[in-house]
Amino acid sequence: MTQAIAPPLDVDPRLLEILVCPVTHGPLVYDRQVGELISKGARLAYPIRDGVPIMLPEEARALDDGE
């Protein structure tokens, strides 16, 4: 049995304009494909769950060297 993959949820563009990385206070880049907000300065990827950005450093994923 094959399970359908839900398309990524969109995040309100106005919200994306005001959010900053809680570690560096720098800008974030929205990666719609994986549903994350990327902080290049902190090298962290913050997850978006059910359309809500989880802006806690302990919930973020560390970026690999190639990312």
C-alpha atoms as a PDB file:
ATOM      1  CA  MET A   1       0.000   0.000   0.000  1.00  0.00           C
ATOM      2  CA  THR A   2       1.414   3.387  -1.005  1.00  0.00           C
ATOM      3  CA  GLN A   3       0.877   6.352   1.256  1.00  0.00           C
ATOM      4  CA  ALA A   4       0.305   9.719  -0.405  1.00  0.00           C
ATOM      5  CA  ILE A   5       2.748  12.451   0.489  1.00  0.00           C
ATOM      6  CA  ALA A   6       1.098  15.727   1.428  1.00  0.00           C
ATOM      7  CA  PRO A   7       2.392  18.799  -0.392  1.00  0.00           C
ATOM      8  CA  PRO A   8       4.407  21.264   1.685  1.00  0.00           C
ATOM      9  CA  LEU A   9       2.331  23.843   3.508  1.00  0.00           C
ATOM     10  CA  ASP A  10       2.731  27.472   2.598  1.00  0.00           C
ATOM     11  CA  VAL A  11       3.722  29.956   5.253  1.00  0.00           C
ATOM     12  CA  ASP A  12       2.257  33.449   5.273  1.00  0.00           C
ATOM     13  CA  PRO A  13       4.767  35.669   3.401  1.00  0.00           C
ATOM     14  CA  ARG A  14       4.170  38.496   5.895  1.00  0.00           C
ATOM     15  CA  LEU A  15       5.283  36.173   8.692  1.00  0.00           C
ATOM     16  CA  LEU A  16       8.426  35.242   6.765  1.00  0.00           C
ATOM     17  CA  GLU A  17       9.305  38.931   6.439  1.00  0.00           C
ATOM     18  CA  ILE A  18       9.383  39.496  10.209  1.00  0.00           C
ATOM     19  CA  LEU A  19      10.910  36.232  11.431  1.00  0.00           C
ATOM     20  CA  VAL A  20      14.621  36.208  12.225  1.00  0.00           C
ATOM     21  CA  CYS A  21      16.943  33.561  13.593  1.00  0.00           C
ATOM     22  CA  PRO A  22      16.713  33.520  17.411  1.00  0.00           C
ATOM     23  CA  VAL A  23      20.445  32.762  17.633  1.00  0.00           C
ATOM     24  CA  THR A  24      21.955  35.317  15.214  1.00  0.00           C
ATOM     25  CA  HIS A  25      18.979  37.659  14.753  1.00  0.00           C
ATOM     26  CA  GLY A  26      19.780  37.386  11.052  1.00  0.00           C
ATOM     27  CA  PRO A  27      17.543  36.622   8.077  1.00  0.00           C
ATOM     28  CA  LEU A  28      15.981  33.238   7.341  1.00  0.00           C
ATOM     29  CA  VAL A  29      15.500  31.514   3.988  1.00  0.00           C
ATOM     30  CA  TYR A  30      12.312  29.496   3.465  1.00  0.00           C
ATOM     31  CA  ASP A  31      12.920  26.050   1.964  1.00  0.00           C
ATOM     32  CA  ARG A  32       9.420  25.058   0.861  1.00  0.00           C
ATOM     33  CA  GLN A  33      10.471  21.596  -0.369  1.00  0.00           C
ATOM     34  CA  VAL A  34      11.482  20.380   3.084  1.00  0.00           C
ATOM     35  CA  GLY A  35       9.389  22.792   5.160  1.00  0.00           C
ATOM     36  CA  GLU A  36      12.197  24.523   7.005  1.00  0.00           C
ATOM     37  CA  LEU A  37      13.467  28.012   7.695  1.00  0.00           C
ATOM     38  CA  ILE A  38      17.217  28.131   7.137  1.00  0.00           C
ATOM     39  CA  SER A  39      19.611  30.330   9.097  1.00  0.00           C
ATOM     40  CA  LYS A  40      22.852  30.370   7.141  1.00  0.00           C
ATOM     41  CA  GLY A  41      24.575  32.380   9.886  1.00  0.00           C
ATOM     42  CA  ALA A  42      23.748  29.883  12.649  1.00  0.00           C
ATOM     43  CA  ARG A  43      23.876  26.891  10.252  1.00  0.00           C
ATOM     44  CA  LEU A  44      20.490  25.734  11.578  1.00  0.00           C
ATOM     45  CA  ALA A  45      17.240  24.659   9.919  1.00  0.00           C
ATOM     46  CA  TYR A  46      14.086  25.411  11.911  1.00  0.00           C
ATOM     47  CA  PRO A  47      11.169  23.061  11.194  1.00  0.00           C
ATOM     48  CA  ILE A  48       7.699  24.179  10.171  1.00  0.00           C
ATOM     49  CA  ARG A  49       4.985  21.969  11.636  1.00  0.00           C
ATOM     50  CA  ASP A  50       1.367  22.353  10.546  1.00  0.00           C
ATOM     51  CA  GLY A  51       2.228  25.741   9.072  1.00  0.00           C
ATOM     52  CA  VAL A  52       3.816  27.015  12.306  1.00  0.00           C
ATOM     53  CA  PRO A  53       7.564  27.780  12.404  1.00  0.00           C
ATOM     54  CA  ILE A  54       9.215  26.211  15.450  1.00  0.00           C
ATOM     55  CA  MET A  55      11.818  28.832  16.332  1.00  0.00           C
ATOM     56  CA  LEU A  56      13.558  26.996  19.163  1.00  0.00           C
ATOM     57  CA  PRO A  57      17.291  26.300  18.699  1.00  0.00           C
ATOM     58  CA  GLU A  58      16.926  22.940  20.458  1.00  0.00           C
ATOM     59  CA  GLU A  59      14.312  21.900  17.850  1.00  0.00           C
ATOM     60  CA  ALA A  60      16.456  23.004  14.900  1.00  0.00           C
ATOM     61  CA  ARG A  61      18.495  20.694  12.716  1.00  0.00           C
ATOM     62  CA  ALA A  62      22.199  21.444  12.234  1.00  0.00           C
ATOM     63  CA  LEU A  63      23.064  21.982   8.585  1.00  0.00           C
ATOM     64  CA  ASP A  64      25.555  19.685   6.868  1.00  0.00           C
ATOM     65  CA  ASP A  65      28.642  21.130   5.191  1.00  0.00           C
ATOM     66  CA  GLY A  66      26.998  20.831   1.754  1.00  0.00           C
ATOM     67  CA  GLU A  67      23.854  22.717   2.732  1.00  0.00           C
END
